[in-house]
Protein backbone atom coordinates (compact mmCIF):
# COMPACT_ATOMS: atom_id res chain seq x y z
CA MET A 1 -2.17 33.31 -35.69
CA PRO A 2 -0.20 33.10 -32.41
CA ALA A 3 -2.03 31.99 -29.28
CA PRO A 4 -2.74 34.50 -26.53
CA ALA A 5 0.10 34.99 -24.05
CA SER A 6 -1.93 33.58 -21.16
CA ASN A 7 -2.22 30.23 -22.95
CA LEU A 8 1.54 30.02 -23.43
CA ASN A 9 2.28 30.51 -19.73
CA PRO A 10 1.69 27.32 -17.70
CA PHE A 11 1.67 29.41 -14.51
CA ALA A 12 -1.00 31.82 -15.68
CA ARG A 13 -3.76 32.08 -13.09
CA LYS A 14 -7.03 30.54 -14.20
CA ALA A 15 -10.47 31.73 -13.28
CA PRO A 16 -11.36 30.19 -9.89
CA PRO A 17 -14.13 27.59 -9.95
CA ARG A 18 -17.44 28.43 -8.37
CA GLY A 19 -19.58 26.75 -5.75
CA VAL A 20 -18.49 23.75 -3.70
CA LEU A 21 -15.76 22.80 -6.19
CA ARG A 22 -13.90 25.98 -5.26
CA TRP A 23 -13.17 24.52 -1.80
CA LEU A 24 -12.80 20.87 -2.83
CA PRO A 25 -10.02 20.57 -5.43
CA GLY A 26 -10.05 16.80 -4.97
CA LEU A 27 -13.52 16.58 -6.49
CA ARG A 28 -12.38 18.71 -9.42
CA LEU A 29 -9.48 16.34 -10.00
CA TRP A 30 -11.78 13.33 -9.81
CA ARG A 31 -13.91 14.72 -12.63
CA THR A 32 -10.83 14.96 -14.89
CA TYR A 33 -9.01 11.86 -13.63
CA GLN A 34 -7.23 9.89 -16.37
CA ARG A 35 -7.34 6.10 -16.38
CA SER A 36 -3.66 5.95 -17.32
CA TRP A 37 -2.76 7.35 -13.88
CA LEU A 38 -4.38 4.47 -11.97
CA ALA A 39 -1.58 1.86 -12.12
CA LYS A 40 1.09 4.24 -10.86
CA ASP A 41 -1.25 5.65 -8.21
CA VAL A 42 -1.94 2.15 -6.88
CA VAL A 43 1.79 1.39 -6.62
CA ALA A 44 2.43 4.75 -4.96
CA GLY A 45 -0.41 4.09 -2.52
CA LEU A 46 0.97 0.68 -1.54
CA VAL A 47 4.47 2.07 -0.99
CA LEU A 48 3.14 5.06 0.93
CA THR A 49 1.06 2.81 3.18
CA ALA A 50 4.02 0.58 4.00
CA VAL A 51 6.13 3.64 4.81
CA LEU A 52 3.54 5.60 6.78
CA VAL A 53 2.57 2.76 9.14
CA PRO A 54 5.95 2.49 10.93
CA VAL A 55 6.81 6.15 10.41
CA GLY A 56 3.52 7.35 11.87
CA MET A 57 3.86 5.13 14.93
CA GLY A 58 7.49 6.18 15.40
CA TYR A 59 6.67 9.88 15.23
CA ALA A 60 3.80 9.40 17.68
CA GLU A 61 6.19 7.88 20.21
CA ALA A 62 8.69 10.68 19.54
CA ALA A 63 5.92 13.14 20.40
CA GLY A 64 5.18 11.32 23.66
CA LEU A 65 1.99 9.60 22.47
CA PRO A 66 1.06 5.91 22.20
CA ALA A 67 2.20 4.41 18.89
CA LEU A 68 -1.36 3.40 18.02
CA TYR A 69 -2.44 7.02 17.62
CA GLY A 70 0.29 7.60 15.07
CA LEU A 71 -1.40 4.92 13.00
CA TYR A 72 -4.76 6.68 13.36
CA ALA A 73 -3.13 9.96 12.30
CA THR A 74 -2.01 8.42 9.00
CA ILE A 75 -5.54 7.57 7.84
CA VAL A 76 -8.04 10.42 8.12
CA PRO A 77 -5.66 13.34 7.35
CA LEU A 78 -4.78 11.69 4.04
CA LEU A 79 -8.44 11.53 3.08
CA ALA A 80 -9.03 15.13 4.19
CA TYR A 81 -6.14 16.47 2.14
CA ALA A 82 -7.25 14.44 -0.87
CA LEU A 83 -10.49 16.46 -0.82
CA PHE A 84 -9.24 19.90 0.23
CA GLY A 85 -5.62 19.90 -0.98
CA PRO A 86 -4.81 21.73 -4.23
CA SER A 87 -1.74 19.57 -4.99
CA ARG A 88 -2.39 16.22 -6.68
CA ILE A 89 1.05 14.92 -5.60
CA LEU A 90 1.45 16.08 -2.00
CA VAL A 91 0.15 13.95 0.90
CA LEU A 92 -0.08 14.73 4.62
CA GLY A 93 0.75 12.60 7.62
CA PRO A 94 2.69 12.60 10.92
CA ASP A 95 5.72 14.85 10.64
CA SER A 96 9.09 14.52 12.37
CA ALA A 97 9.55 18.29 12.27
CA LEU A 98 6.62 18.74 14.66
CA ALA A 99 7.19 15.77 16.98
CA GLY A 100 9.51 17.67 19.30
CA LEU A 101 7.23 20.69 19.46
CA ILE A 102 4.22 18.52 20.29
CA ALA A 103 6.16 16.66 22.97
CA ALA A 104 7.40 19.90 24.56
CA ALA A 105 3.83 21.24 24.81
CA VAL A 106 1.98 18.05 25.77
CA LEU A 107 4.24 16.03 28.07
CA PRO A 108 4.59 18.60 30.89
CA LEU A 109 0.78 18.99 31.05
CA ALA A 110 0.08 15.25 30.77
CA GLY A 111 2.17 14.32 33.80
CA GLY A 112 2.94 10.84 32.49
CA ASN A 113 -0.72 9.98 31.78
CA ALA A 114 -0.97 8.54 28.26
CA GLU A 115 -4.72 9.17 27.93
CA ARG A 116 -4.24 12.77 29.03
CA ALA A 117 -1.44 13.20 26.48
CA VAL A 118 -3.77 11.96 23.73
CA ALA A 119 -6.50 14.43 24.76
CA LEU A 120 -4.06 17.35 24.91
CA ALA A 121 -2.51 16.49 21.55
CA GLY A 122 -5.99 16.16 20.05
CA MET A 123 -6.99 19.59 21.29
CA MET A 124 -3.75 21.08 19.95
CA ALA A 125 -4.56 19.56 16.55
CA VAL A 126 -8.03 21.15 16.71
CA LEU A 127 -6.55 24.54 17.61
CA SER A 128 -3.86 24.46 14.90
CA GLY A 129 -6.37 23.20 12.34
CA GLY A 130 -8.83 25.96 13.17
CA LEU A 131 -6.09 28.58 12.95
CA CYS A 132 -5.03 27.32 9.53
CA ILE A 133 -8.59 27.39 8.18
CA VAL A 134 -9.19 30.92 9.49
CA ALA A 135 -5.85 32.08 8.03
CA GLY A 136 -6.70 30.48 4.69
CA LEU A 137 -10.12 32.12 4.52
CA ALA A 138 -8.49 35.45 5.44
CA ARG A 139 -6.00 34.90 2.59
CA PHE A 140 -2.91 34.91 4.80
CA GLY A 141 -1.08 32.44 2.57
CA PHE A 142 1.66 35.01 1.96
CA ILE A 143 2.82 34.71 5.58
CA THR A 144 5.40 32.02 4.78
CA GLU A 145 7.29 34.56 2.70
CA LEU A 146 8.13 36.33 5.99
CA LEU A 147 10.02 33.29 7.35
CA SER A 148 13.68 33.43 6.37
CA LYS A 149 15.48 30.27 5.30
CA PRO A 150 17.95 30.37 8.25
CA ILE A 151 15.00 30.27 10.67
CA ARG A 152 13.35 27.34 8.90
CA TYR A 153 16.58 25.39 8.46
CA GLY A 154 17.66 26.01 12.04
CA TYR A 155 14.33 24.82 13.37
CA LEU A 156 14.24 21.73 11.16
CA ASN A 157 17.84 20.79 12.01
CA GLY A 158 17.10 21.20 15.71
CA ILE A 159 14.05 18.96 15.44
CA ALA A 160 16.06 16.40 13.45
CA LEU A 161 18.62 16.29 16.27
CA THR A 162 15.85 15.94 18.86
CA VAL A 163 14.22 13.05 16.98
CA LEU A 164 17.60 11.37 16.44
CA ILE A 165 18.49 11.47 20.14
CA GLY A 166 14.99 10.33 21.08
CA GLN A 167 14.81 7.39 18.66
CA LEU A 168 18.41 6.14 18.66
CA PRO A 169 18.03 4.33 22.02
CA LYS A 170 15.14 2.33 20.57
CA VAL A 171 17.31 1.29 17.65
CA LEU A 172 19.90 0.11 20.17
CA GLY A 173 17.31 -1.79 22.19
CA PHE A 174 16.89 0.22 25.40
CA SER A 175 14.95 3.24 26.62
CA VAL A 176 15.99 6.52 28.19
CA HIS A 177 14.05 9.06 30.23
CA GLY A 178 14.48 12.80 30.50
CA GLU A 179 12.54 15.99 29.83
CA SER A 180 15.36 17.82 28.03
CA LEU A 181 17.52 16.96 25.03
CA LEU A 182 20.66 17.00 27.18
CA ALA A 183 19.10 14.60 29.70
CA ARG A 184 18.12 12.15 26.95
CA ALA A 185 21.56 12.44 25.35
CA HIS A 186 23.15 11.68 28.73
CA GLY A 187 20.87 8.66 29.11
CA LEU A 188 21.83 7.46 25.63
CA VAL A 189 25.56 7.63 26.37
CA GLN A 190 25.07 6.05 29.79
CA GLY A 191 23.05 3.18 28.31
CA ILE A 192 25.78 2.45 25.77
CA LEU A 193 28.52 2.55 28.41
CA GLU A 194 26.53 0.23 30.69
CA SER A 195 26.13 -2.31 27.85
CA GLN A 196 22.34 -2.06 27.71
CA THR A 197 22.39 -2.45 23.93
CA ASN A 198 20.36 -5.34 22.52
CA LEU A 199 22.56 -6.68 19.72
CA VAL A 200 19.67 -8.29 17.83
CA THR A 201 17.61 -5.09 17.88
CA CYS A 202 20.67 -3.11 16.84
CA ALA A 203 21.34 -5.52 13.97
CA ILE A 204 17.77 -5.20 12.68
CA GLY A 205 17.83 -1.41 12.88
CA GLY A 206 21.26 -1.17 11.26
CA SER A 207 20.25 -3.56 8.47
CA CYS A 208 17.11 -1.54 7.72
CA LEU A 209 19.13 1.68 7.60
CA PHE A 210 21.70 0.06 5.29
CA VAL A 211 18.98 -1.20 2.92
CA ILE A 212 17.28 2.21 2.78
CA LEU A 213 20.52 4.11 2.11
CA ALA A 214 21.78 1.53 -0.38
CA PHE A 215 18.64 1.67 -2.52
CA LYS A 216 18.56 5.46 -2.24
CA ARG A 217 22.09 5.66 -3.62
CA TRP A 218 22.23 2.88 -6.23
CA ALA A 219 18.59 2.25 -7.10
CA PRO A 220 16.58 5.38 -6.22
CA LYS A 221 13.49 4.19 -8.11
CA VAL A 222 13.20 1.08 -5.92
CA PRO A 223 11.21 1.67 -2.69
CA GLY A 224 13.98 0.81 -0.23
CA VAL A 225 11.91 1.80 2.79
CA LEU A 226 9.17 -0.63 1.74
CA ILE A 227 11.68 -3.46 1.34
CA ALA A 228 13.29 -2.72 4.71
CA VAL A 229 9.96 -2.56 6.55
CA VAL A 230 8.55 -5.74 5.01
CA GLY A 231 11.83 -7.62 5.41
CA ALA A 232 12.25 -6.65 9.07
CA THR A 233 8.63 -7.57 9.82
CA ILE A 234 9.02 -11.01 8.24
CA VAL A 235 12.32 -11.70 10.06
CA VAL A 236 10.97 -10.68 13.47
CA GLY A 237 7.77 -12.67 12.98
CA GLN A 238 9.26 -15.85 11.53
CA LEU A 239 12.13 -16.08 14.01
CA ASP A 240 9.98 -14.99 16.98
CA LEU A 241 12.60 -12.42 17.92
CA ALA A 242 10.12 -10.51 20.06
CA GLY A 243 9.81 -13.49 22.40
CA GLN A 244 13.24 -15.10 22.26
CA ALA A 245 15.68 -12.25 21.64
CA GLY A 246 13.94 -9.49 23.57
CA VAL A 247 13.20 -7.38 20.50
CA SER A 248 10.52 -4.84 21.38
CA ALA A 249 7.49 -5.08 19.06
CA VAL A 250 4.29 -3.07 18.87
CA GLY A 251 2.20 -6.21 19.32
CA PRO A 252 -1.47 -6.66 18.44
CA LEU A 253 -3.44 -3.49 17.81
CA PRO A 254 -7.09 -2.99 18.72
CA GLN A 255 -9.52 -3.24 15.83
CA GLY A 256 -11.53 -0.31 14.56
CA LEU A 257 -11.10 3.43 15.05
CA PRO A 258 -11.49 5.47 18.25
CA ALA A 259 -14.75 7.33 18.86
CA PHE A 260 -14.79 10.91 17.56
CA ARG A 261 -15.21 13.46 20.34
CA VAL A 262 -13.95 16.89 21.33
CA PRO A 263 -10.98 16.49 23.73
CA ALA A 264 -11.75 17.68 27.25
CA VAL A 265 -9.14 20.15 28.53
CA SER A 266 -9.25 22.92 31.10
CA LEU A 267 -9.01 26.63 30.29
CA SER A 268 -5.52 26.86 31.74
CA GLU A 269 -4.39 23.93 29.58
CA LEU A 270 -6.10 25.48 26.57
CA SER A 271 -4.14 28.71 26.97
CA SER A 272 -0.90 26.75 27.30
CA LEU A 273 -1.65 24.79 24.14
CA LEU A 274 -2.60 27.85 22.10
CA ALA A 275 0.96 29.17 21.75
CA ALA A 276 2.19 25.75 20.62
CA ALA A 277 -0.75 25.48 18.21
CA VAL A 278 0.24 28.77 16.57
CA ALA A 279 3.83 27.56 16.16
CA ILE A 280 2.67 24.21 14.76
CA ALA A 281 0.30 25.89 12.30
CA LEU A 282 3.03 28.25 11.10
CA MET A 283 5.82 25.70 10.78
CA SER A 284 3.69 22.96 9.23
CA PHE A 285 2.33 25.39 6.66
CA ALA A 286 5.81 26.70 5.88
CA GLU A 287 7.02 23.17 5.18
CA THR A 288 3.90 22.20 3.22
CA SER A 289 4.08 25.37 1.17
CA VAL A 290 7.71 24.76 0.17
CA LEU A 291 6.97 21.18 -0.88
CA ALA A 292 3.84 22.18 -2.78
CA ARG A 293 5.74 24.82 -4.74
CA THR A 294 8.55 22.38 -5.53
CA PHE A 295 6.15 19.78 -6.92
CA ALA A 296 4.16 22.41 -8.80
CA LEU A 297 7.27 23.64 -10.58
CA ARG A 298 8.10 20.08 -11.66
CA VAL A 299 4.74 19.50 -13.32
CA GLY A 300 4.14 23.03 -14.55
CA GLU A 301 1.25 23.91 -12.25
CA GLU A 302 0.54 26.92 -10.07
CA THR A 303 0.13 26.86 -6.30
CA ASP A 304 -2.63 28.20 -4.09
CA ASP A 305 -1.18 28.99 -0.66
CA ASN A 306 -4.56 29.96 0.79
CA GLN A 307 -6.12 26.65 -0.24
CA GLU A 308 -3.07 24.84 1.17
CA LEU A 309 -3.80 26.51 4.50
CA ILE A 310 -7.42 25.37 4.39
CA ALA A 311 -6.40 21.82 3.44
CA LEU A 312 -3.83 21.68 6.22
CA GLY A 313 -6.43 22.90 8.70
CA ALA A 314 -8.96 20.32 7.52
CA ALA A 315 -6.39 17.54 7.92
CA ASN A 316 -5.56 18.63 11.46
CA LEU A 317 -9.22 18.87 12.43
CA ALA A 318 -9.90 15.44 10.96
């Protein structure tokens, strides 16, 4: 006797779980976790850690924040999404697509004060996280369908250009200042023409880029980013390039985590941050939703856009 049609369709919607498990898909997955997954999950976790450490610190600097807080932002959001996220493949962390938007909203209000920038960015995370949770509870997950692909691609390409112009001087070994993209681009060209390039720093950055692209093309299963990060760290440390060749390094980091507290901002600053928080919530969910659907199609699972919103909000709040 043939099976019912719903059992033949891998995308058929199942009855939603009840109680706490309804809001914590990570706990549901833990109850059905298979021991055969553990080895690959450990390897993926090690690679992800090696990648997220420099990436998180780089994106924090691109957003106008101290690099240390990019490291903090790679820890707790991962744990939050592991509990609230419906995808068992997707992970959350600092995002290059949002770095420019955060910088545009925070830096003018911070006035060059790093501690103020941290407080403002923290409050914007709280606002965007709260908006995502409210939208998820109100079942507004369909909202990403209203964003056309040209809008998303145009925004992402613009952010990619902004991050490229902002980070390229650091690869070349000097820094530029400017509030606009054109001002930073002018500083980049001027620095190159004035021979401010640090050849050792440029060689390290170029070598890392070559290793990453080479493995991506000829050995895609090998974690090229991990090899580049570990190799560059060993070379800089063993040869003392930070002290002798003028290579800029992050240096020692303080131990422990910062104290949890609600960021103190004024009402005028709060109103200025709200518009940026709405844009961040919308764009981050649009990107997360696309990735979640892509991974779900690969493994034959269904997606839950409303739960993705709640998970994204929980990660931002955390």
